[in-house]
Amino acid sequence: MRTLPRPTFSAGDVYQTSISRVRDSALKKRLENCLSEVVQDSLDYEIKASNAQLHLFPKKSVVNGNVSKLEMEKIYTRRMVPKNSPGRTYYEKLRYPLGNDKCPFCGQRPSSTLDHYLAKSDYPSLVVSPVNLVPACKDCNFIKSNSFPTKSEEETLHPYFDNIDDQQWLYGRVNKTNPPSISYYIEAPTNASPILAERVKYHFQQYELGDLYASEAASELSDIAFLMDKILRDAGPQAVKKHLEDIAESCAKNNKNSWKTALYQALALDSWYCTIGALL
């Protein structure tokens, strides 16, 4: 659940570059005649995405009346994705917007592809629209698949248009198990709009982030078990608490909504962990 900078290049530029090497003159002419619709739909997309209204974007079976969905999809699959294809430069810029490869939907796994936020099979005019192409990991891309929101509350967070990085939404609670474990949940800030609050919860559930983060936390707890035991035996519960608070503060400076931030906050606040759980 991380924000990405919105692409600065236009749908028109990507589209024209991608079709620049089409050899079939009749096909190229039909594709060129789609340009105005591609540009206009991308602009409409930005307005709707900014207001959580992408569920209102109309599905299409053809573009400009005579270009099929399959023909439009091939612009992406054959003229943008492959190496040495005319649109590949844009693909790579979208694929690595920050110079790293973390998936913005889960914030954890490496990105391995570009995801069409609105599926290319239903929205062919957006097939190479930069704002509709988001880097994603294989798992998030598969989970999302061709799902389509029917209302604002079902629109998962859009990395180009939604920013929740400035406030904390993700929290953890310690489970008194042996060894200790963590459960994750979403708690909306008091000033959050009701629709955004529902969207964040839906995003968390849709991408199965609770299970993903709990798994990561289990590995982290195992890694720190020896150190926590040592600190507790050598210096006592308050030293354990202070150590955990310091790590939580450091993690929050980097990302308020990371599973690590929520993990260390939960551990530091839990008296059972600081006195007993750290020994297990």
C-alpha atoms as a PDB file:
ATOM      1  CA  MET A   1       0.000   0.000   0.000  1.00  0.00           C
ATOM      2  CA  ARG A   2       2.394   2.613  -1.278  1.00  0.00           C
ATOM      3  CA  THR A   3       1.975   5.743  -3.398  1.00  0.00           C
ATOM      4  CA  LEU A   4       3.834   6.133  -6.683  1.00  0.00           C
ATOM      5  CA  PRO A   5       4.528   9.307  -8.661  1.00  0.00           C
ATOM      6  CA  ARG A   6       2.008   9.717 -11.459  1.00  0.00           C
ATOM      7  CA  PRO A   7       3.528   9.182 -14.925  1.00  0.00           C
ATOM      8  CA  THR A   8       4.491  12.435 -16.633  1.00  0.00           C
ATOM      9  CA  PHE A   9       4.187  11.211 -20.220  1.00  0.00           C
ATOM     10  CA  SER A  10       0.826  11.169 -21.941  1.00  0.00           C
ATOM     11  CA  ALA A  11      -1.370   8.394 -23.253  1.00  0.00           C
ATOM     12  CA  GLY A  12      -1.117   9.952 -26.702  1.00  0.00           C
ATOM     13  CA  ASP A  13       2.686   9.803 -26.707  1.00  0.00           C
ATOM     14  CA  VAL A  14       2.768   6.161 -25.571  1.00  0.00           C
ATOM     15  CA  TYR A  15       0.068   5.150 -28.035  1.00  0.00           C
ATOM     16  CA  GLN A  16       1.619   6.837 -31.058  1.00  0.00           C
ATOM     17  CA  THR A  17       5.073   5.489 -30.250  1.00  0.00           C
ATOM     18  CA  SER A  18       3.743   1.965 -29.757  1.00  0.00           C
ATOM     19  CA  ILE A  19       1.943   1.846 -33.133  1.00  0.00           C
ATOM     20  CA  SER A  20       4.741   3.604 -35.027  1.00  0.00           C
ATOM     21  CA  ARG A  21       6.065   0.393 -36.599  1.00  0.00           C
ATOM     22  CA  VAL A  22       2.770  -1.135 -37.726  1.00  0.00           C
ATOM     23  CA  ARG A  23       3.422  -2.275 -41.305  1.00  0.00           C
ATOM     24  CA  ASP A  24      -0.119  -3.008 -42.398  1.00  0.00           C
ATOM     25  CA  SER A  25      -1.152   0.372 -43.764  1.00  0.00           C
ATOM     26  CA  ALA A  26      -4.888  -0.257 -43.401  1.00  0.00           C
ATOM     27  CA  LEU A  27      -4.506  -1.395 -39.793  1.00  0.00           C
ATOM     28  CA  LYS A  28      -2.200   1.493 -38.986  1.00  0.00           C
ATOM     29  CA  LYS A  29      -4.726   3.970 -40.363  1.00  0.00           C
ATOM     30  CA  ARG A  30      -7.488   2.479 -38.217  1.00  0.00           C
ATOM     31  CA  LEU A  31      -5.256   2.581 -35.159  1.00  0.00           C
ATOM     32  CA  GLU A  32      -4.241   6.178 -35.844  1.00  0.00           C
ATOM     33  CA  ASN A  33      -7.904   7.125 -36.017  1.00  0.00           C
ATOM     34  CA  CYS A  34      -8.312   5.860 -32.439  1.00  0.00           C
ATOM     35  CA  LEU A  35      -5.887   8.432 -31.051  1.00  0.00           C
ATOM     36  CA  SER A  36      -8.435  11.044 -30.023  1.00  0.00           C
ATOM     37  CA  GLU A  37     -10.557   8.437 -28.209  1.00  0.00           C
ATOM     38  CA  VAL A  38      -7.492   7.031 -26.443  1.00  0.00           C
ATOM     39  CA  VAL A  39      -6.461  10.500 -25.285  1.00  0.00           C
ATOM     40  CA  GLN A  40      -9.962  11.517 -24.190  1.00  0.00           C
ATOM     41  CA  ASP A  41     -10.597   8.286 -22.299  1.00  0.00           C
ATOM     42  CA  SER A  42      -7.289   8.650 -20.476  1.00  0.00           C
ATOM     43  CA  LEU A  43      -8.258  12.164 -19.392  1.00  0.00           C
ATOM     44  CA  ASP A  44     -11.658  10.911 -18.254  1.00  0.00           C
ATOM     45  CA  TYR A  45      -9.909   8.112 -16.369  1.00  0.00           C
ATOM     46  CA  GLU A  46      -7.793  10.626 -14.438  1.00  0.00           C
ATOM     47  CA  ILE A  47     -10.867  12.569 -13.367  1.00  0.00           C
ATOM     48  CA  LYS A  48     -12.697   9.448 -12.246  1.00  0.00           C
ATOM     49  CA  ALA A  49      -9.655   7.950 -10.502  1.00  0.00           C
ATOM     50  CA  SER A  50      -9.141  11.177  -8.561  1.00  0.00           C
ATOM     51  CA  ASN A  51     -12.688  10.864  -7.197  1.00  0.00           C
ATOM     52  CA  ALA A  52     -12.917   7.096  -6.676  1.00  0.00           C
ATOM     53  CA  GLN A  53     -15.361   6.795  -9.557  1.00  0.00           C
ATOM     54  CA  LEU A  54     -13.583   4.356 -11.854  1.00  0.00           C
ATOM     55  CA  HIS A  55     -16.494   1.973 -11.350  1.00  0.00           C
ATOM     56  CA  LEU A  56     -18.449   4.379 -13.581  1.00  0.00           C
ATOM     57  CA  PHE A  57     -16.014   4.069 -16.486  1.00  0.00           C
ATOM     58  CA  PRO A  58     -17.902   2.394 -19.365  1.00  0.00           C
ATOM     59  CA  LYS A  59     -16.725  -0.945 -20.717  1.00  0.00           C
ATOM     60  CA  LYS A  60     -16.112  -1.210 -24.463  1.00  0.00           C
ATOM     61  CA  SER A  61     -15.907  -3.959 -27.058  1.00  0.00           C
ATOM     62  CA  VAL A  62     -14.447  -1.779 -29.835  1.00  0.00           C
ATOM     63  CA  VAL A  63     -12.554   1.501 -30.152  1.00  0.00           C
ATOM     64  CA  ASN A  64     -13.516   4.142 -32.695  1.00  0.00           C
ATOM     65  CA  GLY A  65     -16.182   1.814 -34.021  1.00  0.00           C
ATOM     66  CA  ASN A  66     -13.891  -0.521 -35.972  1.00  0.00           C
ATOM     67  CA  VAL A  67     -10.850  -1.544 -33.892  1.00  0.00           C
ATOM     68  CA  SER A  68     -11.417  -4.684 -31.846  1.00  0.00           C
ATOM     69  CA  LYS A  69     -10.366  -5.391 -28.286  1.00  0.00           C
ATOM     70  CA  LEU A  70      -7.874  -7.966 -29.538  1.00  0.00           C
ATOM     71  CA  GLU A  71      -6.263  -5.488 -31.917  1.00  0.00           C
ATOM     72  CA  MET A  72      -5.924  -2.977 -29.103  1.00  0.00           C
ATOM     73  CA  GLU A  73      -4.558  -5.579 -26.680  1.00  0.00           C
ATOM     74  CA  LYS A  74      -1.839  -6.485 -29.182  1.00  0.00           C
ATOM     75  CA  ILE A  75      -0.566  -2.900 -29.035  1.00  0.00           C
ATOM     76  CA  TYR A  76       0.391  -3.647 -25.443  1.00  0.00           C
ATOM     77  CA  THR A  77       1.440  -7.306 -25.704  1.00  0.00           C
ATOM     78  CA  ARG A  78       3.370  -7.000 -28.976  1.00  0.00           C
ATOM     79  CA  ARG A  79       4.361  -3.352 -29.284  1.00  0.00           C
ATOM     80  CA  MET A  80       5.054  -2.268 -25.714  1.00  0.00           C
ATOM     81  CA  VAL A  81       6.075  -5.283 -23.607  1.00  0.00           C
ATOM     82  CA  PRO A  82       8.671  -7.119 -25.752  1.00  0.00           C
ATOM     83  CA  LYS A  83      12.271  -5.990 -25.721  1.00  0.00           C
ATOM     84  CA  ASN A  84      13.146  -3.889 -28.770  1.00  0.00           C
ATOM     85  CA  SER A  85       9.468  -3.051 -29.315  1.00  0.00           C
ATOM     86  CA  PRO A  86       8.746   0.651 -29.997  1.00  0.00           C
ATOM     87  CA  GLY A  87       6.920   1.206 -26.691  1.00  0.00           C
ATOM     88  CA  ARG A  88       9.406  -0.692 -24.517  1.00  0.00           C
ATOM     89  CA  THR A  89      11.040   2.485 -23.176  1.00  0.00           C
ATOM     90  CA  TYR A  90       7.722   3.547 -21.668  1.00  0.00           C
ATOM     91  CA  TYR A  91       7.152   0.055 -20.297  1.00  0.00           C
ATOM     92  CA  GLU A  92      10.432   0.175 -18.408  1.00  0.00           C
ATOM     93  CA  LYS A  93       9.770   3.670 -17.058  1.00  0.00           C
ATOM     94  CA  LEU A  94       6.431   2.494 -15.710  1.00  0.00           C
ATOM     95  CA  ARG A  95       7.847  -0.780 -14.451  1.00  0.00           C
ATOM     96  CA  TYR A  96      10.575   0.887 -12.355  1.00  0.00           C
ATOM     97  CA  PRO A  97       9.223   4.356 -11.423  1.00  0.00           C
ATOM     98  CA  LEU A  98      11.366   4.688  -8.293  1.00  0.00           C
ATOM     99  CA  GLY A  99      14.343   2.658  -9.413  1.00  0.00           C
ATOM    100  CA  ASN A 100      13.248  -0.285  -7.253  1.00  0.00           C
ATOM    101  CA  ASP A 101      10.849  -3.147  -7.742  1.00  0.00           C
ATOM    102  CA  LYS A 102       8.525  -3.252  -4.723  1.00  0.00           C
ATOM    103  CA  CYS A 103       4.873  -3.855  -5.563  1.00  0.00           C
ATOM    104  CA  PRO A 104       2.817  -0.810  -4.478  1.00  0.00           C
ATOM    105  CA  PHE A 105      -0.318  -2.890  -3.870  1.00  0.00           C
ATOM    106  CA  CYS A 106       1.209  -5.051  -1.137  1.00  0.00           C
ATOM    107  CA  GLY A 107       4.334  -2.986  -0.460  1.00  0.00           C
ATOM    108  CA  GLN A 108       6.289  -6.171   0.090  1.00  0.00           C
ATOM    109  CA  ARG A 109       6.888  -8.484  -2.864  1.00  0.00           C
ATOM    110  CA  PRO A 110       8.993  -7.573  -5.901  1.00  0.00           C
ATOM    111  CA  SER A 111       7.121  -6.212  -8.912  1.00  0.00           C
ATOM    112  CA  SER A 112       7.277  -8.559 -11.871  1.00  0.00           C
ATOM    113  CA  THR A 113       4.868  -7.024 -14.372  1.00  0.00           C
ATOM    114  CA  LEU A 114       2.588  -4.095 -15.154  1.00  0.00           C
ATOM    115  CA  ASP A 115      -1.000  -4.418 -14.042  1.00  0.00           C
ATOM    116  CA  HIS A 116      -3.898  -2.867 -15.935  1.00  0.00           C
ATOM    117  CA  TYR A 117      -5.843  -1.329 -13.068  1.00  0.00           C
ATOM    118  CA  LEU A 118      -8.908  -1.463 -15.332  1.00  0.00           C
ATOM    119  CA  ALA A 119      -8.561  -4.682 -17.311  1.00  0.00           C
ATOM    120  CA  LYS A 120      -7.462  -4.369 -20.929  1.00  0.00           C
ATOM    121  CA  SER A 121     -10.077  -6.959 -21.927  1.00  0.00           C
ATOM    122  CA  ASP A 122     -12.903  -4.608 -20.903  1.00  0.00           C
ATOM    123  CA  TYR A 123     -11.276  -1.202 -21.436  1.00  0.00           C
ATOM    124  CA  PRO A 124      -9.320  -1.456 -24.705  1.00  0.00           C
ATOM    125  CA  SER A 125      -8.908   2.298 -25.147  1.00  0.00           C
ATOM    126  CA  LEU A 126      -6.821   2.299 -21.928  1.00  0.00           C
ATOM    127  CA  VAL A 127      -4.530  -0.540 -22.977  1.00  0.00           C
ATOM    128  CA  VAL A 128      -1.371   1.621 -23.023  1.00  0.00           C
ATOM    129  CA  SER A 129      -2.609   4.552 -20.950  1.00  0.00           C
ATOM    130  CA  PRO A 130       0.187   5.277 -18.430  1.00  0.00           C
ATOM    131  CA  VAL A 131      -2.195   6.047 -15.567  1.00  0.00           C
ATOM    132  CA  ASN A 132      -3.862   2.656 -16.008  1.00  0.00           C
ATOM    133  CA  LEU A 133      -0.550   0.742 -15.950  1.00  0.00           C
ATOM    134  CA  VAL A 134       0.778   0.067 -12.449  1.00  0.00           C
ATOM    135  CA  PRO A 135       3.808  -2.059 -11.495  1.00  0.00           C
ATOM    136  CA  ALA A 136       2.711  -5.097  -9.521  1.00  0.00           C
ATOM    137  CA  CYS A 137       3.957  -8.397  -8.164  1.00  0.00           C
ATOM    138  CA  LYS A 138       2.775 -11.655  -9.677  1.00  0.00           C
ATOM    139  CA  ASP A 139       0.571 -12.506  -6.680  1.00  0.00           C
ATOM    140  CA  CYS A 140      -1.236  -9.153  -6.522  1.00  0.00           C
ATOM    141  CA  ASN A 141      -1.741  -9.195 -10.278  1.00  0.00           C
ATOM    142  CA  PHE A 142      -3.252 -12.681 -10.048  1.00  0.00           C
ATOM    143  CA  ILE A 143      -5.456 -11.842  -7.051  1.00  0.00           C
ATOM    144  CA  LYS A 144      -6.837  -8.790  -8.776  1.00  0.00           C
ATOM    145  CA  SER A 145      -7.151 -10.506 -12.172  1.00  0.00           C
ATOM    146  CA  ASN A 146     -10.074  -8.976 -14.079  1.00  0.00           C
ATOM    147  CA  SER A 147     -12.065  -7.900 -11.034  1.00  0.00           C
ATOM    148  CA  PHE A 148     -14.171  -4.787 -11.512  1.00  0.00           C
ATOM    149  CA  PRO A 149     -15.481  -2.505  -8.751  1.00  0.00           C
ATOM    150  CA  THR A 150     -19.221  -1.881  -8.669  1.00  0.00           C
ATOM    151  CA  LYS A 151     -19.012   1.052  -6.263  1.00  0.00           C
ATOM    152  CA  SER A 152     -16.429   3.456  -4.846  1.00  0.00           C
ATOM    153  CA  GLU A 153     -15.931   1.367  -1.720  1.00  0.00           C
ATOM    154  CA  GLU A 154     -14.770  -1.548  -3.917  1.00  0.00           C
ATOM    155  CA  GLU A 155     -12.047   0.430  -5.645  1.00  0.00           C
ATOM    156  CA  THR A 156      -8.738  -0.767  -4.263  1.00  0.00           C
ATOM    157  CA  LEU A 157      -6.146   1.914  -3.634  1.00  0.00           C
ATOM    158  CA  HIS A 158      -4.675   3.334  -6.826  1.00  0.00           C
ATOM    159  CA  PRO A 159      -0.947   4.030  -6.379  1.00  0.00           C
ATOM    160  CA  TYR A 160      -1.060   7.059  -8.699  1.00  0.00           C
ATOM    161  CA  PHE A 161      -4.126   8.712  -7.182  1.00  0.00           C
ATOM    162  CA  ASP A 162      -4.407   7.644  -3.530  1.00  0.00           C
ATOM    163  CA  ASN A 163      -1.962   8.641  -0.825  1.00  0.00           C
ATOM    164  CA  ILE A 164      -2.297   7.255   2.694  1.00  0.00           C
ATOM    165  CA  ASP A 165       1.403   7.486   3.501  1.00  0.00           C
ATOM    166  CA  ASP A 166       1.108  10.505   5.789  1.00  0.00           C
ATOM    167  CA  GLN A 167      -1.061   8.773   8.423  1.00  0.00           C
ATOM    168  CA  GLN A 168      -1.080   5.359  10.034  1.00  0.00           C
ATOM    169  CA  TRP A 169      -3.727   2.857   8.969  1.00  0.00           C
ATOM    170  CA  LEU A 170      -2.037  -0.478   9.584  1.00  0.00           C
ATOM    171  CA  TYR A 171      -1.750  -1.885  13.107  1.00  0.00           C
ATOM    172  CA  GLY A 172      -0.817  -5.168  14.740  1.00  0.00           C
ATOM    173  CA  ARG A 173      -1.808  -7.052  17.855  1.00  0.00           C
ATOM    174  CA  VAL A 174       0.270  -9.619  19.701  1.00  0.00           C
ATOM    175  CA  ASN A 175      -1.128 -13.122  20.010  1.00  0.00           C
ATOM    176  CA  LYS A 176      -0.059 -14.907  23.220  1.00  0.00           C
ATOM    177  CA  THR A 177       1.083 -18.001  21.405  1.00  0.00           C
ATOM    178  CA  ASN A 178       4.274 -20.040  21.660  1.00  0.00           C
ATOM    179  CA  PRO A 179       6.136 -18.694  19.811  1.00  0.00           C
ATOM    180  CA  PRO A 180       4.430 -15.251  19.817  1.00  0.00           C
ATOM    181  CA  SER A 181       2.618 -14.196  16.636  1.00  0.00           C
ATOM    182  CA  ILE A 182       1.041 -11.047  15.206  1.00  0.00           C
ATOM    183  CA  SER A 183      -2.341 -10.327  13.632  1.00  0.00           C
ATOM    184  CA  TYR A 184      -2.799  -7.259  11.444  1.00  0.00           C
ATOM    185  CA  TYR A 185      -5.794  -4.988  11.010  1.00  0.00           C
ATOM    186  CA  ILE A 186      -6.809  -1.634   9.536  1.00  0.00           C
ATOM    187  CA  GLU A 187      -7.914   1.256  11.724  1.00  0.00           C
ATOM    188  CA  ALA A 188      -8.840   4.456   9.898  1.00  0.00           C
ATOM    189  CA  PRO A 189      -7.596   7.820  11.195  1.00  0.00           C
ATOM    190  CA  THR A 190     -10.373   9.867  12.780  1.00  0.00           C
ATOM    191  CA  ASN A 191     -10.266  12.459   9.989  1.00  0.00           C
ATOM    192  CA  ALA A 192     -10.477   9.935   7.125  1.00  0.00           C
ATOM    193  CA  SER A 193     -13.477  10.063   4.819  1.00  0.00           C
ATOM    194  CA  PRO A 194     -15.898   7.113   5.154  1.00  0.00           C
ATOM    195  CA  ILE A 195     -15.341   6.068   1.538  1.00  0.00           C
ATOM    196  CA  LEU A 196     -11.554   6.071   1.851  1.00  0.00           C
ATOM    197  CA  ALA A 197     -11.797   4.116   5.104  1.00  0.00           C
ATOM    198  CA  GLU A 198     -13.851   1.433   3.385  1.00  0.00           C
ATOM    199  CA  ARG A 199     -11.508   1.383   0.388  1.00  0.00           C
ATOM    200  CA  VAL A 200      -8.428   0.845   2.543  1.00  0.00           C
ATOM    201  CA  LYS A 201     -10.146  -2.010   4.391  1.00  0.00           C
ATOM    202  CA  TYR A 202     -11.275  -3.508   1.092  1.00  0.00           C
ATOM    203  CA  HIS A 203      -7.769  -3.215  -0.355  1.00  0.00           C
ATOM    204  CA  PHE A 204      -6.323  -4.941   2.729  1.00  0.00           C
ATOM    205  CA  GLN A 205      -8.806  -7.806   2.388  1.00  0.00           C
ATOM    206  CA  GLN A 206      -8.734  -8.060  -1.412  1.00  0.00           C
ATOM    207  CA  TYR A 207      -4.971  -8.460  -1.584  1.00  0.00           C
ATOM    208  CA  GLU A 208      -4.903 -10.777   1.449  1.00  0.00           C
ATOM    209  CA  LEU A 209      -2.382  -8.541   3.186  1.00  0.00           C
ATOM    210  CA  GLY A 210      -3.182  -9.755   6.687  1.00  0.00           C
ATOM    211  CA  ASP A 211      -1.878 -13.227   5.887  1.00  0.00           C
ATOM    212  CA  LEU A 212       1.119 -11.889   3.953  1.00  0.00           C
ATOM    213  CA  TYR A 213       2.196  -9.541   6.739  1.00  0.00           C
ATOM    214  CA  ALA A 214       1.605 -12.138   9.466  1.00  0.00           C
ATOM    215  CA  SER A 215       3.913 -14.503   7.597  1.00  0.00           C
ATOM    216  CA  GLU A 216       6.612 -11.841   7.299  1.00  0.00           C
ATOM    217  CA  ALA A 217       6.198 -10.986  10.989  1.00  0.00           C
ATOM    218  CA  ALA A 218       6.633 -14.643  11.971  1.00  0.00           C
ATOM    219  CA  SER A 219      10.020 -14.712  10.241  1.00  0.00           C
ATOM    220  CA  GLU A 220      11.031 -11.437  11.879  1.00  0.00           C
ATOM    221  CA  LEU A 221      10.018 -12.660  15.327  1.00  0.00           C
ATOM    222  CA  SER A 222      12.095 -15.763  14.822  1.00  0.00           C
ATOM    223  CA  ASP A 223      15.087 -13.654  13.741  1.00  0.00           C
ATOM    224  CA  ILE A 224      14.946 -11.401  16.821  1.00  0.00           C
ATOM    225  CA  ALA A 225      14.051 -14.112  19.371  1.00  0.00           C
ATOM    226  CA  PHE A 226      17.606 -14.622  20.648  1.00  0.00           C
ATOM    227  CA  LEU A 227      18.245 -10.869  21.015  1.00  0.00           C
ATOM    228  CA  MET A 228      14.942 -10.213  22.818  1.00  0.00           C
ATOM    229  CA  ASP A 229      15.643 -13.073  25.201  1.00  0.00           C
ATOM    230  CA  LYS A 230      19.126 -11.707  25.874  1.00  0.00           C
ATOM    231  CA  ILE A 231      17.964  -8.125  26.487  1.00  0.00           C
ATOM    232  CA  LEU A 232      15.202  -9.307  28.809  1.00  0.00           C
ATOM    233  CA  ARG A 233      17.532 -11.481  30.881  1.00  0.00           C
ATOM    234  CA  ASP A 234      20.344  -8.912  30.983  1.00  0.00           C
ATOM    235  CA  ALA A 235      18.421  -5.664  31.440  1.00  0.00           C
ATOM    236  CA  GLY A 236      14.743  -6.402  32.083  1.00  0.00           C
ATOM    237  CA  PRO A 237      11.366  -5.607  30.486  1.00  0.00           C
ATOM    238  CA  GLN A 238      11.888  -1.840  30.238  1.00  0.00           C
ATOM    239  CA  ALA A 239      15.019  -2.379  28.160  1.00  0.00           C
ATOM    240  CA  VAL A 240      13.087  -4.686  25.838  1.00  0.00           C
ATOM    241  CA  LYS A 241      10.330  -2.100  25.498  1.00  0.00           C
ATOM    242  CA  LYS A 242      12.804   0.713  24.757  1.00  0.00           C
ATOM    243  CA  HIS A 243      14.617  -1.352  22.145  1.00  0.00           C
ATOM    244  CA  LEU A 244      11.343  -2.180  20.392  1.00  0.00           C
ATOM    245  CA  GLU A 245      10.156   1.441  20.538  1.00  0.00           C
ATOM    246  CA  ASP A 246      13.372   2.622  18.899  1.00  0.00           C
ATOM    247  CA  ILE A 247      12.993   0.163  16.033  1.00  0.00           C
ATOM    248  CA  ALA A 248       9.318   1.078  15.611  1.00  0.00           C
ATOM    249  CA  GLU A 249      10.193   4.774  15.424  1.00  0.00           C
ATOM    250  CA  SER A 250      12.875   4.114  12.829  1.00  0.00           C
ATOM    251  CA  CYS A 251      10.525   1.986  10.700  1.00  0.00           C
ATOM    252  CA  ALA A 252       7.755   4.594  10.914  1.00  0.00           C
ATOM    253  CA  LYS A 253      10.097   7.292   9.603  1.00  0.00           C
ATOM    254  CA  ASN A 254      10.456   5.244   6.449  1.00  0.00           C
ATOM    255  CA  ASN A 255       6.890   3.926   6.155  1.00  0.00           C
ATOM    256  CA  LYS A 256       4.076   4.475   8.647  1.00  0.00           C
ATOM    257  CA  ASN A 257       2.095   1.598   7.143  1.00  0.00           C
ATOM    258  CA  SER A 258       4.690  -1.127   6.816  1.00  0.00           C
ATOM    259  CA  TRP A 259       4.182  -4.478   8.498  1.00  0.00           C
ATOM    260  CA  LYS A 260       7.446  -3.864  10.366  1.00  0.00           C
ATOM    261  CA  THR A 261       6.256  -0.568  11.842  1.00  0.00           C
ATOM    262  CA  ALA A 262       3.032  -2.200  13.044  1.00  0.00           C
ATOM    263  CA  LEU A 263       4.935  -5.228  14.333  1.00  0.00           C
ATOM    264  CA  TYR A 264       7.403  -3.329  16.499  1.00  0.00           C
ATOM    265  CA  GLN A 265       4.767  -0.916  17.771  1.00  0.00           C
ATOM    266  CA  ALA A 266       2.573  -3.829  18.844  1.00  0.00           C
ATOM    267  CA  LEU A 267       5.454  -5.622  20.550  1.00  0.00           C
ATOM    268  CA  ALA A 268       6.562  -2.477  22.410  1.00  0.00           C
ATOM    269  CA  LEU A 269       3.036  -1.807  23.670  1.00  0.00           C
ATOM    270  CA  ASP A 270       2.392  -5.371  24.797  1.00  0.00           C
ATOM    271  CA  SER A 271       3.425  -5.957  28.433  1.00  0.00           C
ATOM    272  CA  TRP A 272       3.071  -9.730  28.035  1.00  0.00           C
ATOM    273  CA  TYR A 273       5.608  -9.813  25.225  1.00  0.00           C
ATOM    274  CA  CYS A 274       8.051  -7.554  27.055  1.00  0.00           C
ATOM    275  CA  THR A 275       7.972  -9.731  30.182  1.00  0.00           C
ATOM    276  CA  ILE A 276       7.136 -13.257  29.021  1.00  0.00           C
ATOM    277  CA  GLY A 277       6.760 -13.499  25.253  1.00  0.00           C
ATOM    278  CA  ALA A 278      10.336 -12.417  24.606  1.00  0.00           C
ATOM    279  CA  LEU A 279      11.498 -15.561  26.428  1.00  0.00           C
ATOM    280  CA  LEU A 280       9.441 -17.970  24.284  1.00  0.00           C
END
